[in-house]
Amino acid sequence: MHILMILNDPPYGTERTYNGLRLGLNLLAKAEGASVTVFLMGDAAAAAKRGQQTPNGYYNLERMLRGILTRQGEVLLCGSCMDARGLRDEEIVEGARRSSLDELTELTAAADKVLVF
C-alpha cells in the first residue's frame, strides 16, 4: 500500500508537521508492505533544512526526515515553495529532493491513501 503524506505547516511552532512525521515513521515500522512518500509544501518545506539544532529533549525534524529516508521512504519538497523561502537544493536533507505540483498530482492519483497535515 502506498501512502502519500502532504505536510503544510512550519517545522516548529505547531506540531502538525511533527505529528505527520511521527505517523509516517510508525507506518514504515509497523504497517507491513507500506511505502510512504512525504511531500513538504508551503512552510513545511523548511522542515528539510540541513543543520537544525534543537534543545536536548526537543524533537528535531531533520532527524525525523532522515529516519523516513533510511526506512526506504521518500521525501519530496515543493520546488516553488522552496524558491519562495530561499531554500536551495544543497541546503536540504541528503536524500530528499525538489519536486513539483505535476509530480504531486501524479503521486496523489496513484496513492492508495493520501493524508494531509
Protein backbone atom coordinates (compact mmCIF):
# COMPACT_ATOMS: atom_id res chain seq x y z
CA MET A 1 0.00 0.00 0.00
CA HIS A 2 1.38 3.40 -0.97
CA ILE A 3 0.69 6.28 1.42
CA LEU A 4 1.23 9.88 0.40
CA MET A 5 1.57 12.36 3.25
CA ILE A 6 1.29 16.06 2.42
CA LEU A 7 2.63 18.33 5.15
CA ASN A 8 1.93 22.08 5.09
CA ASP A 9 2.72 23.63 8.47
CA PRO A 10 6.01 25.21 9.55
CA PRO A 11 8.58 22.92 11.11
CA TYR A 12 8.32 24.44 14.58
CA GLY A 13 5.63 26.47 16.33
CA THR A 14 2.88 23.93 15.69
CA GLU A 15 3.14 20.18 15.99
CA ARG A 16 1.31 19.21 12.80
CA THR A 17 4.46 18.51 10.80
CA TYR A 18 5.98 16.70 13.76
CA ASN A 19 2.86 14.55 14.19
CA GLY A 20 2.70 13.79 10.48
CA LEU A 21 6.30 12.58 10.54
CA ARG A 22 5.66 10.54 13.69
CA LEU A 23 2.84 8.77 11.87
CA GLY A 24 4.96 8.27 8.74
CA LEU A 25 7.76 6.69 10.75
CA ASN A 26 5.32 4.44 12.58
CA LEU A 27 3.67 3.35 9.32
CA LEU A 28 7.06 2.39 7.90
CA ALA A 29 7.91 0.47 11.07
CA LYS A 30 4.61 -1.31 11.71
CA ALA A 31 2.45 -1.47 8.58
CA GLU A 32 3.73 -4.43 6.62
CA GLY A 33 4.23 -3.63 2.94
CA ALA A 34 3.57 0.10 3.37
CA SER A 35 5.55 2.63 1.40
CA VAL A 36 5.45 6.28 2.43
CA THR A 37 6.12 9.44 0.45
CA VAL A 38 6.28 12.68 2.41
CA PHE A 39 5.62 15.81 0.34
CA LEU A 40 6.58 19.07 2.05
CA MET A 41 4.59 22.10 0.85
CA GLY A 42 4.39 25.71 1.96
CA ASP A 43 6.13 26.38 5.25
CA ALA A 44 6.72 22.64 5.77
CA ALA A 45 9.50 22.84 3.14
CA ALA A 46 11.70 24.41 5.83
CA ALA A 47 11.48 21.14 7.82
CA ALA A 48 14.04 19.66 5.40
CA LYS A 49 16.68 22.34 6.11
CA ARG A 50 20.05 20.81 6.99
CA GLY A 51 21.85 21.69 10.19
CA GLN A 52 18.90 22.10 12.55
CA GLN A 53 19.92 22.45 16.17
CA THR A 54 17.20 21.95 18.74
CA PRO A 55 17.48 21.83 22.54
CA ASN A 56 18.11 18.44 24.16
CA GLY A 57 14.83 16.61 24.66
CA TYR A 58 13.10 18.55 21.85
CA TYR A 59 12.16 16.90 18.57
CA ASN A 60 14.29 17.57 15.50
CA LEU A 61 12.53 17.34 12.15
CA GLU A 62 15.74 16.96 10.17
CA ARG A 63 16.47 13.75 12.12
CA MET A 64 12.90 12.55 11.65
CA LEU A 65 13.11 13.09 7.88
CA ARG A 66 16.38 11.16 7.78
CA GLY A 67 14.51 8.38 9.61
CA ILE A 68 11.89 8.32 6.85
CA LEU A 69 14.63 8.12 4.24
CA THR A 70 16.61 5.35 5.98
CA ARG A 71 13.42 3.28 6.17
CA GLN A 72 13.09 3.49 2.37
CA GLY A 73 10.52 6.28 2.46
CA GLU A 74 10.68 9.22 0.09
CA VAL A 75 10.86 12.92 0.98
CA LEU A 76 9.93 15.46 -1.68
CA LEU A 77 9.76 19.25 -1.47
CA CYS A 78 7.61 21.62 -3.47
CA GLY A 79 10.07 23.44 -5.70
CA SER A 80 8.19 26.73 -5.87
CA CYS A 81 7.73 26.62 -2.06
CA MET A 82 11.49 26.17 -1.72
CA ASP A 83 12.12 29.11 -4.03
CA ALA A 84 9.68 31.35 -2.16
CA ARG A 85 11.58 30.64 1.06
CA GLY A 86 15.07 30.97 -0.43
CA LEU A 87 15.81 27.29 0.25
CA ARG A 88 18.36 25.86 -2.19
CA ASP A 89 18.75 22.21 -3.18
CA GLU A 90 22.15 21.93 -1.47
CA GLU A 91 20.62 23.11 1.84
CA ILE A 92 18.16 20.25 2.26
CA VAL A 93 18.48 16.88 3.97
CA GLU A 94 20.54 14.42 1.96
CA GLY A 95 18.21 12.05 0.11
CA ALA A 96 15.30 14.49 -0.05
CA ARG A 97 14.71 16.22 -3.36
CA ARG A 98 12.97 19.07 -5.11
CA SER A 99 9.67 18.15 -6.75
CA SER A 100 6.75 19.86 -8.46
CA LEU A 101 2.98 20.19 -8.46
CA ASP A 102 2.89 17.93 -11.52
CA GLU A 103 4.68 15.16 -9.62
CA LEU A 104 2.42 15.69 -6.59
CA THR A 105 -0.59 15.34 -8.91
CA GLU A 106 0.74 12.02 -10.24
CA LEU A 107 1.54 10.76 -6.74
CA THR A 108 -1.93 11.72 -5.49
CA ALA A 109 -3.64 9.91 -8.36
CA ALA A 110 -1.54 6.77 -7.78
CA ALA A 111 -1.67 6.66 -3.95
CA ASP A 112 -3.80 4.21 -2.03
CA LYS A 113 -4.16 6.73 0.79
CA VAL A 114 -3.48 10.47 0.99
CA LEU A 115 -3.01 12.05 4.41
CA VAL A 116 -2.81 15.83 4.76
CA PHE A 117 -1.38 17.61 7.80
